[in-house]
Amino acid sequence: MGKMAERGNRKALQGVVVSDKMDKTVVVRVERLVKSRTFQKYVKRHTKFKAHDEGNRCTAGDKVLIVESRPLSRDKRWRVREIIEKVK
């Protein structure tokens, strides 16, 4: 019962595919808003994650939903769950 309970609590992030040049891997840029201590206003920050894309369905510019998973390679710890918006 313990494993089933924690399995549903995986982190999910939304981002844009920046690179799809690798086989079964995409680089996803996720933006977040951080409040500046000095000016008390919100500033955009971003992080790039490598995500597993079984089937190579994503292309650069697609908006995707990625979820946390076990380590798949040296720096790949996310999987593409769904493509929210395809680029034209």
PDB file of N, CA and C in Angstrom:
ATOM      1  N   MET A   1       0.829  -1.202   0.000  1.00  0.00           N
ATOM      2  CA  MET A   1       0.000   0.000   0.000  1.00  0.00           C
ATOM      3  C   MET A   1       0.862   1.251   0.000  1.00  0.00           C
ATOM      4  N   GLY A   2       2.031   1.214   0.643  1.00  0.00           N
ATOM      5  CA  GLY A   2       2.897   2.379   0.736  1.00  0.00           C
ATOM      6  C   GLY A   2       3.405   2.856  -0.616  1.00  0.00           C
ATOM      7  N   LYS A   3       3.775   1.906  -1.482  1.00  0.00           N
ATOM      8  CA  LYS A   3       4.299   2.284  -2.797  1.00  0.00           C
ATOM      9  C   LYS A   3       3.233   2.889  -3.691  1.00  0.00           C
ATOM     10  N   MET A   4       2.030   2.383  -3.600  1.00  0.00           N
ATOM     11  CA  MET A   4       0.956   2.907  -4.435  1.00  0.00           C
ATOM     12  C   MET A   4       0.594   4.337  -4.033  1.00  0.00           C
ATOM     13  N   ALA A   5       0.686   4.640  -2.757  1.00  0.00           N
ATOM     14  CA  ALA A   5       0.338   5.976  -2.286  1.00  0.00           C
ATOM     15  C   ALA A   5       1.349   7.007  -2.765  1.00  0.00           C
ATOM     16  N   GLU A   6       2.630   6.666  -2.741  1.00  0.00           N
ATOM     17  CA  GLU A   6       3.635   7.651  -3.128  1.00  0.00           C
ATOM     18  C   GLU A   6       3.768   7.777  -4.642  1.00  0.00           C
ATOM     19  N   ARG A   7       3.309   6.790  -5.386  1.00  0.00           N
ATOM     20  CA  ARG A   7       3.457   6.811  -6.844  1.00  0.00           C
ATOM     21  C   ARG A   7       2.624   7.918  -7.496  1.00  0.00           C
ATOM     22  N   GLY A   8       1.493   8.260  -6.893  1.00  0.00           N
ATOM     23  CA  GLY A   8       0.650   9.296  -7.462  1.00  0.00           C
ATOM     24  C   GLY A   8       1.132  10.704  -7.177  1.00  0.00           C
ATOM     25  N   ASN A   9       2.138  10.860  -6.323  1.00  0.00           N
ATOM     26  CA  ASN A   9       2.601  12.190  -5.927  1.00  0.00           C
ATOM     27  C   ASN A   9       3.875  12.608  -6.656  1.00  0.00           C
ATOM     28  N   ARG A  10       3.938  12.354  -7.934  1.00  0.00           N
ATOM     29  CA  ARG A  10       5.115  12.742  -8.706  1.00  0.00           C
ATOM     30  C   ARG A  10       4.996  14.183  -9.150  1.00  0.00           C
ATOM     31  N   LYS A  11       6.129  14.883  -9.170  1.00  0.00           N
ATOM     32  CA  LYS A  11       6.129  16.273  -9.612  1.00  0.00           C
ATOM     33  C   LYS A  11       5.843  16.319 -11.107  1.00  0.00           C
ATOM     34  N   ALA A  12       5.051  17.290 -11.502  1.00  0.00           N
ATOM     35  CA  ALA A  12       4.737  17.488 -12.915  1.00  0.00           C
ATOM     36  C   ALA A  12       5.013  18.948 -13.257  1.00  0.00           C
ATOM     37  N   LEU A  13       5.699  19.170 -14.362  1.00  0.00           N
ATOM     38  CA  LEU A  13       6.037  20.519 -14.804  1.00  0.00           C
ATOM     39  C   LEU A  13       5.637  20.692 -16.258  1.00  0.00           C
ATOM     40  N   GLN A  14       5.358  21.948 -16.618  1.00  0.00           N
ATOM     41  CA  GLN A  14       4.986  22.265 -17.986  1.00  0.00           C
ATOM     42  C   GLN A  14       6.082  23.134 -18.575  1.00  0.00           C
ATOM     43  N   GLY A  15       6.487  22.830 -19.808  1.00  0.00           N
ATOM     44  CA  GLY A  15       7.547  23.604 -20.431  1.00  0.00           C
ATOM     45  C   GLY A  15       7.514  23.493 -21.939  1.00  0.00           C
ATOM     46  N   VAL A  16       8.530  24.084 -22.564  1.00  0.00           N
ATOM     47  CA  VAL A  16       8.642  24.114 -24.020  1.00  0.00           C
ATOM     48  C   VAL A  16       9.884  23.334 -24.434  1.00  0.00           C
ATOM     49  N   VAL A  17       9.735  22.503 -25.459  1.00  0.00           N
ATOM     50  CA  VAL A  17      10.868  21.723 -25.969  1.00  0.00           C
ATOM     51  C   VAL A  17      11.829  22.667 -26.682  1.00  0.00           C
ATOM     52  N   VAL A  18      13.090  22.640 -26.240  1.00  0.00           N
ATOM     53  CA  VAL A  18      14.120  23.499 -26.812  1.00  0.00           C
ATOM     54  C   VAL A  18      14.931  22.734 -27.847  1.00  0.00           C
ATOM     55  N   SER A  19      15.191  21.442 -27.565  1.00  0.00           N
ATOM     56  CA  SER A  19      15.999  20.634 -28.473  1.00  0.00           C
ATOM     57  C   SER A  19      15.438  19.224 -28.549  1.00  0.00           C
ATOM     58  N   ASP A  20      15.431  18.672 -29.773  1.00  0.00           N
ATOM     59  CA  ASP A  20      14.994  17.286 -29.967  1.00  0.00           C
ATOM     60  C   ASP A  20      16.014  16.513 -30.797  1.00  0.00           C
ATOM     61  N   LYS A  21      17.276  16.905 -30.717  1.00  0.00           N
ATOM     62  CA  LYS A  21      18.308  16.329 -31.572  1.00  0.00           C
ATOM     63  C   LYS A  21      18.807  14.966 -31.100  1.00  0.00           C
ATOM     64  N   MET A  22      18.553  14.632 -29.826  1.00  0.00           N
ATOM     65  CA  MET A  22      18.992  13.345 -29.308  1.00  0.00           C
ATOM     66  C   MET A  22      17.932  12.277 -29.582  1.00  0.00           C
ATOM     67  N   ASP A  23      18.347  11.003 -29.505  1.00  0.00           N
ATOM     68  CA  ASP A  23      17.421   9.898 -29.719  1.00  0.00           C
ATOM     69  C   ASP A  23      16.670   9.605 -28.431  1.00  0.00           C
ATOM     70  N   LYS A  24      15.337   9.675 -28.481  1.00  0.00           N
ATOM     71  CA  LYS A  24      14.445   9.410 -27.344  1.00  0.00           C
ATOM     72  C   LYS A  24      14.643  10.367 -26.166  1.00  0.00           C
ATOM     73  N   THR A  25      15.233  11.528 -26.415  1.00  0.00           N
ATOM     74  CA  THR A  25      15.444  12.523 -25.358  1.00  0.00           C
ATOM     75  C   THR A  25      15.136  13.909 -25.908  1.00  0.00           C
ATOM     76  N   VAL A  26      14.468  14.721 -25.093  1.00  0.00           N
ATOM     77  CA  VAL A  26      14.229  16.120 -25.444  1.00  0.00           C
ATOM     78  C   VAL A  26      14.691  16.998 -24.291  1.00  0.00           C
ATOM     79  N   VAL A  27      15.086  18.212 -24.613  1.00  0.00           N
ATOM     80  CA  VAL A  27      15.447  19.188 -23.591  1.00  0.00           C
ATOM     81  C   VAL A  27      14.257  20.130 -23.449  1.00  0.00           C
ATOM     82  N   VAL A  28      13.738  20.244 -22.220  1.00  0.00           N
ATOM     83  CA  VAL A  28      12.540  21.043 -21.952  1.00  0.00           C
ATOM     84  C   VAL A  28      12.916  22.216 -21.057  1.00  0.00           C
ATOM     85  N   ARG A  29      12.536  23.417 -21.483  1.00  0.00           N
ATOM     86  CA  ARG A  29      12.792  24.629 -20.695  1.00  0.00           C
ATOM     87  C   ARG A  29      11.537  24.963 -19.893  1.00  0.00           C
ATOM     88  N   VAL A  30      11.694  25.008 -18.563  1.00  0.00           N
ATOM     89  CA  VAL A  30      10.578  25.292 -17.659  1.00  0.00           C
ATOM     90  C   VAL A  30      10.823  26.652 -17.015  1.00  0.00           C
ATOM     91  N   GLU A  31       9.856  27.554 -17.166  1.00  0.00           N
ATOM     92  CA  GLU A  31       9.983  28.892 -16.579  1.00  0.00           C
ATOM     93  C   GLU A  31       9.209  28.961 -15.273  1.00  0.00           C
ATOM     94  N   ARG A  32       9.727  29.770 -14.345  1.00  0.00           N
ATOM     95  CA  ARG A  32       9.055  29.991 -13.067  1.00  0.00           C
ATOM     96  C   ARG A  32       9.220  31.458 -12.692  1.00  0.00           C
ATOM     97  N   LEU A  33       8.345  31.941 -11.813  1.00  0.00           N
ATOM     98  CA  LEU A  33       8.426  33.320 -11.346  1.00  0.00           C
ATOM     99  C   LEU A  33       9.004  33.334  -9.935  1.00  0.00           C
ATOM    100  N   VAL A  34      10.010  34.168  -9.717  1.00  0.00           N
ATOM    101  CA  VAL A  34      10.665  34.302  -8.415  1.00  0.00           C
ATOM    102  C   VAL A  34      10.562  35.754  -7.992  1.00  0.00           C
ATOM    103  N   LYS A  35      10.216  35.985  -6.738  1.00  0.00           N
ATOM    104  CA  LYS A  35      10.093  37.354  -6.255  1.00  0.00           C
ATOM    105  C   LYS A  35      11.469  37.904  -5.899  1.00  0.00           C
ATOM    106  N   SER A  36      11.800  39.071  -6.444  1.00  0.00           N
ATOM    107  CA  SER A  36      13.077  39.731  -6.173  1.00  0.00           C
ATOM    108  C   SER A  36      13.066  40.322  -4.772  1.00  0.00           C
ATOM    109  N   ARG A  37      14.097  40.023  -3.985  1.00  0.00           N
ATOM    110  CA  ARG A  37      14.168  40.571  -2.627  1.00  0.00           C
ATOM    111  C   ARG A  37      14.368  42.082  -2.643  1.00  0.00           C
ATOM    112  N   THR A  38      15.197  42.552  -3.564  1.00  0.00           N
ATOM    113  CA  THR A  38      15.532  43.976  -3.618  1.00  0.00           C
ATOM    114  C   THR A  38      14.359  44.824  -4.096  1.00  0.00           C
ATOM    115  N   PHE A  39      13.760  44.447  -5.233  1.00  0.00           N
ATOM    116  CA  PHE A  39      12.751  45.295  -5.859  1.00  0.00           C
ATOM    117  C   PHE A  39      11.321  44.842  -5.609  1.00  0.00           C
ATOM    118  N   GLN A  40      11.134  43.708  -4.909  1.00  0.00           N
ATOM    119  CA  GLN A  40       9.797  43.200  -4.572  1.00  0.00           C
ATOM    120  C   GLN A  40       8.907  43.028  -5.800  1.00  0.00           C
ATOM    121  N   LYS A  41       9.495  42.597  -6.907  1.00  0.00           N
ATOM    122  CA  LYS A  41       8.707  42.296  -8.097  1.00  0.00           C
ATOM    123  C   LYS A  41       9.109  40.923  -8.617  1.00  0.00           C
ATOM    124  N   TYR A  42       8.259  40.342  -9.450  1.00  0.00           N
ATOM    125  CA  TYR A  42       8.507  38.987  -9.931  1.00  0.00           C
ATOM    126  C   TYR A  42       9.391  38.990 -11.173  1.00  0.00           C
ATOM    127  N   VAL A  43      10.372  38.080 -11.173  1.00  0.00           N
ATOM    128  CA  VAL A  43      11.336  37.965 -12.264  1.00  0.00           C
ATOM    129  C   VAL A  43      11.244  36.547 -12.816  1.00  0.00           C
ATOM    130  N   LYS A  44      11.327  36.395 -14.137  1.00  0.00           N
ATOM    131  CA  LYS A  44      11.280  35.068 -14.749  1.00  0.00           C
ATOM    132  C   LYS A  44      12.635  34.387 -14.626  1.00  0.00           C
ATOM    133  N   ARG A  45      12.619  33.133 -14.231  1.00  0.00           N
ATOM    134  CA  ARG A  45      13.817  32.293 -14.190  1.00  0.00           C
ATOM    135  C   ARG A  45      13.476  31.015 -14.945  1.00  0.00           C
ATOM    136  N   HIS A  46      14.464  30.351 -15.504  1.00  0.00           N
ATOM    137  CA  HIS A  46      14.182  29.108 -16.217  1.00  0.00           C
ATOM    138  C   HIS A  46      15.203  28.035 -15.869  1.00  0.00           C
ATOM    139  N   THR A  47      14.800  26.789 -16.065  1.00  0.00           N
ATOM    140  CA  THR A  47      15.638  25.618 -15.856  1.00  0.00           C
ATOM    141  C   THR A  47      15.413  24.688 -17.035  1.00  0.00           C
ATOM    142  N   LYS A  48      16.476  24.015 -17.469  1.00  0.00           N
ATOM    143  CA  LYS A  48      16.352  23.043 -18.552  1.00  0.00           C
ATOM    144  C   LYS A  48      16.423  21.642 -17.973  1.00  0.00           C
ATOM    145  N   PHE A  49      15.491  20.792 -18.391  1.00  0.00           N
ATOM    146  CA  PHE A  49      15.456  19.402 -17.963  1.00  0.00           C
ATOM    147  C   PHE A  49      15.539  18.512 -19.191  1.00  0.00           C
ATOM    148  N   LYS A  50      16.271  17.391 -19.066  1.00  0.00           N
ATOM    149  CA  LYS A  50      16.263  16.383 -20.122  1.00  0.00           C
ATOM    150  C   LYS A  50      15.174  15.386 -19.782  1.00  0.00           C
ATOM    151  N   ALA A  51      14.295  15.117 -20.741  1.00  0.00           N
ATOM    152  CA  ALA A  51      13.159  14.226 -20.522  1.00  0.00           C
ATOM    153  C   ALA A  51      13.143  13.118 -21.558  1.00  0.00           C
ATOM    154  N   HIS A  52      12.682  11.942 -21.117  1.00  0.00           N
ATOM    155  CA  HIS A  52      12.598  10.769 -21.983  1.00  0.00           C
ATOM    156  C   HIS A  52      11.370  10.871 -22.872  1.00  0.00           C
ATOM    157  N   ASP A  53      11.570  10.721 -24.185  1.00  0.00           N
ATOM    158  CA  ASP A  53      10.482  10.806 -25.159  1.00  0.00           C
ATOM    159  C   ASP A  53      10.485   9.523 -25.991  1.00  0.00           C
ATOM    160  N   GLU A  54       9.832   8.490 -25.468  1.00  0.00           N
ATOM    161  CA  GLU A  54       9.760   7.211 -26.178  1.00  0.00           C
ATOM    162  C   GLU A  54       8.956   7.418 -27.455  1.00  0.00           C
ATOM    163  N   GLY A  55       9.543   7.126 -28.590  1.00  0.00           N
ATOM    164  CA  GLY A  55       8.840   7.294 -29.861  1.00  0.00           C
ATOM    165  C   GLY A  55       9.229   8.568 -30.600  1.00  0.00           C
ATOM    166  N   ASN A  56      10.036   9.412 -30.011  1.00  0.00           N
ATOM    167  CA  ASN A  56      10.498  10.658 -30.644  1.00  0.00           C
ATOM    168  C   ASN A  56       9.347  11.466 -31.249  1.00  0.00           C
ATOM    169  N   ARG A  57       8.281  11.695 -30.476  1.00  0.00           N
ATOM    170  CA  ARG A  57       7.104  12.412 -30.977  1.00  0.00           C
ATOM    171  C   ARG A  57       7.238  13.927 -30.869  1.00  0.00           C
ATOM    172  N   CYS A  58       8.067  14.426 -29.943  1.00  0.00           N
ATOM    173  CA  CYS A  58       8.179  15.867 -29.712  1.00  0.00           C
ATOM    174  C   CYS A  58       9.120  16.520 -30.713  1.00  0.00           C
ATOM    175  N   THR A  59       8.797  17.762 -31.062  1.00  0.00           N
ATOM    176  CA  THR A  59       9.688  18.581 -31.887  1.00  0.00           C
ATOM    177  C   THR A  59       9.922  19.901 -31.154  1.00  0.00           C
ATOM    178  N   ALA A  60      10.952  20.618 -31.569  1.00  0.00           N
ATOM    179  CA  ALA A  60      11.296  21.883 -30.924  1.00  0.00           C
ATOM    180  C   ALA A  60      10.131  22.861 -31.043  1.00  0.00           C
ATOM    181  N   GLY A  61       9.769  23.475 -29.909  1.00  0.00           N
ATOM    182  CA  GLY A  61       8.674  24.429 -29.870  1.00  0.00           C
ATOM    183  C   GLY A  61       7.390  23.870 -29.284  1.00  0.00           C
ATOM    184  N   ASP A  62       7.296  22.556 -29.136  1.00  0.00           N
ATOM    185  CA  ASP A  62       6.096  21.941 -28.552  1.00  0.00           C
ATOM    186  C   ASP A  62       5.991  22.276 -27.071  1.00  0.00           C
ATOM    187  N   LYS A  63       4.756  22.465 -26.597  1.00  0.00           N
ATOM    188  CA  LYS A  63       4.510  22.643 -25.169  1.00  0.00           C
ATOM    189  C   LYS A  63       4.175  21.269 -24.609  1.00  0.00           C
ATOM    190  N   VAL A  64       4.925  20.831 -23.582  1.00  0.00           N
ATOM    191  CA  VAL A  64       4.767  19.470 -23.059  1.00  0.00           C
ATOM    192  C   VAL A  64       4.602  19.466 -21.543  1.00  0.00           C
ATOM    193  N   LEU A  65       4.062  18.354 -21.038  1.00  0.00           N
ATOM    194  CA  LEU A  65       3.959  18.099 -19.613  1.00  0.00           C
ATOM    195  C   LEU A  65       4.943  16.988 -19.284  1.00  0.00           C
ATOM    196  N   ILE A  66       5.878  17.263 -18.351  1.00  0.00           N
ATOM    197  CA  ILE A  66       6.858  16.252 -17.964  1.00  0.00           C
ATOM    198  C   ILE A  66       6.623  15.860 -16.511  1.00  0.00           C
ATOM    199  N   VAL A  67       6.889  14.589 -16.195  1.00  0.00           N
ATOM    200  CA  VAL A  67       6.722  14.084 -14.838  1.00  0.00           C
ATOM    201  C   VAL A  67       8.026  13.466 -14.366  1.00  0.00           C
ATOM    202  N   GLU A  68       8.241  13.541 -13.066  1.00  0.00           N
ATOM    203  CA  GLU A  68       9.426  12.998 -12.433  1.00  0.00           C
ATOM    204  C   GLU A  68       9.426  11.474 -12.540  1.00  0.00           C
ATOM    205  N   SER A  69      10.608  10.878 -12.704  1.00  0.00           N
ATOM    206  CA  SER A  69      10.708   9.420 -12.748  1.00  0.00           C
ATOM    207  C   SER A  69      12.044   8.991 -12.158  1.00  0.00           C
ATOM    208  N   ARG A  70      12.279   7.692 -12.170  1.00  0.00           N
ATOM    209  CA  ARG A  70      13.564   7.182 -11.698  1.00  0.00           C
ATOM    210  C   ARG A  70      14.652   7.638 -12.666  1.00  0.00           C
ATOM    211  N   PRO A  71      15.926   7.646 -12.239  1.00  0.00           N
ATOM    212  CA  PRO A  71      16.998   8.030 -13.158  1.00  0.00           C
ATOM    213  C   PRO A  71      17.074   7.090 -14.358  1.00  0.00           C
ATOM    214  N   LEU A  72      16.996   7.656 -15.553  1.00  0.00           N
ATOM    215  CA  LEU A  72      17.043   6.874 -16.791  1.00  0.00           C
ATOM    216  C   LEU A  72      18.431   6.902 -17.425  1.00  0.00           C
ATOM    217  N   SER A  73      19.213   7.930 -17.112  1.00  0.00           N
ATOM    218  CA  SER A  73      20.593   8.037 -17.572  1.00  0.00           C
ATOM    219  C   SER A  73      21.308   8.991 -16.616  1.00  0.00           C
ATOM    220  N   ARG A  74      22.479   9.439 -16.981  1.00  0.00           N
ATOM    221  CA  ARG A  74      23.273  10.274 -16.078  1.00  0.00           C
ATOM    222  C   ARG A  74      22.536  11.546 -15.658  1.00  0.00           C
ATOM    223  N   ASP A  75      21.853  12.189 -16.594  1.00  0.00           N
ATOM    224  CA  ASP A  75      21.150  13.434 -16.245  1.00  0.00           C
ATOM    225  C   ASP A  75      19.700  13.473 -16.742  1.00  0.00           C
ATOM    226  N   LYS A  76      19.097  12.308 -16.959  1.00  0.00           N
ATOM    227  CA  LYS A  76      17.708  12.239 -17.403  1.00  0.00           C
ATOM    228  C   LYS A  76      16.855  11.640 -16.292  1.00  0.00           C
ATOM    229  N   ARG A  77      16.007  12.482 -15.664  1.00  0.00           N
ATOM    230  CA  ARG A  77      15.166  12.056 -14.554  1.00  0.00           C
ATOM    231  C   ARG A  77      13.695  12.412 -14.757  1.00  0.00           C
ATOM    232  N   TRP A  78      13.302  12.732 -15.969  1.00  0.00           N
ATOM    233  CA  TRP A  78      11.933  13.140 -16.276  1.00  0.00           C
ATOM    234  C   TRP A  78      11.446  12.384 -17.505  1.00  0.00           C
ATOM    235  N   ARG A  79      10.128  12.233 -17.622  1.00  0.00           N
ATOM    236  CA  ARG A  79       9.505  11.605 -18.789  1.00  0.00           C
ATOM    237  C   ARG A  79       8.458  12.555 -19.354  1.00  0.00           C
ATOM    238  N   VAL A  80       8.280  12.536 -20.661  1.00  0.00           N
ATOM    239  CA  VAL A  80       7.220  13.327 -21.287  1.00  0.00           C
ATOM    240  C   VAL A  80       5.921  12.559 -21.111  1.00  0.00           C
ATOM    241  N   ARG A  81       4.955  13.154 -20.391  1.00  0.00           N
ATOM    242  CA  ARG A  81       3.665  12.495 -20.191  1.00  0.00           C
ATOM    243  C   ARG A  81       2.747  12.777 -21.368  1.00  0.00           C
ATOM    244  N   GLU A  82       2.650  14.051 -21.778  1.00  0.00           N
ATOM    245  CA  GLU A  82       1.781  14.379 -22.901  1.00  0.00           C
ATOM    246  C   GLU A  82       2.251  15.638 -23.603  1.00  0.00           C
ATOM    247  N   ILE A  83       1.892  15.732 -24.869  1.00  0.00           N
ATOM    248  CA  ILE A  83       2.167  16.943 -25.648  1.00  0.00           C
ATOM    249  C   ILE A  83       0.915  17.796 -25.560  1.00  0.00           C
ATOM    250  N   ILE A  84       1.038  18.955 -24.925  1.00  0.00           N
ATOM    251  CA  ILE A  84      -0.119  19.836 -24.711  1.00  0.00           C
ATOM    252  C   ILE A  84      -0.456  20.589 -25.996  1.00  0.00           C
ATOM    253  N   GLU A  85       0.588  21.109 -26.670  1.00  0.00           N
ATOM    254  CA  GLU A  85       0.365  21.902 -27.881  1.00  0.00           C
ATOM    255  C   GLU A  85       1.493  21.644 -28.865  1.00  0.00           C
ATOM    256  N   LYS A  86       1.139  21.186 -30.078  1.00  0.00           N
ATOM    257  CA  LYS A  86       2.130  20.943 -31.122  1.00  0.00           C
ATOM    258  C   LYS A  86       2.430  22.255 -31.840  1.00  0.00           C
ATOM    259  N   VAL A  87       3.700  22.419 -32.221  1.00  0.00           N
ATOM    260  CA  VAL A  87       4.088  23.598 -32.994  1.00  0.00           C
ATOM    261  C   VAL A  87       3.656  23.391 -34.452  1.00  0.00           C
ATOM    262  N   LYS A  88       3.294  24.445 -35.113  1.00  0.00           N
ATOM    263  CA  LYS A  88       2.819  24.327 -36.503  1.00  0.00           C
ATOM    264  C   LYS A  88       3.931  24.396 -37.503  1.00  0.00           C
TER     265      LYS A  88
END
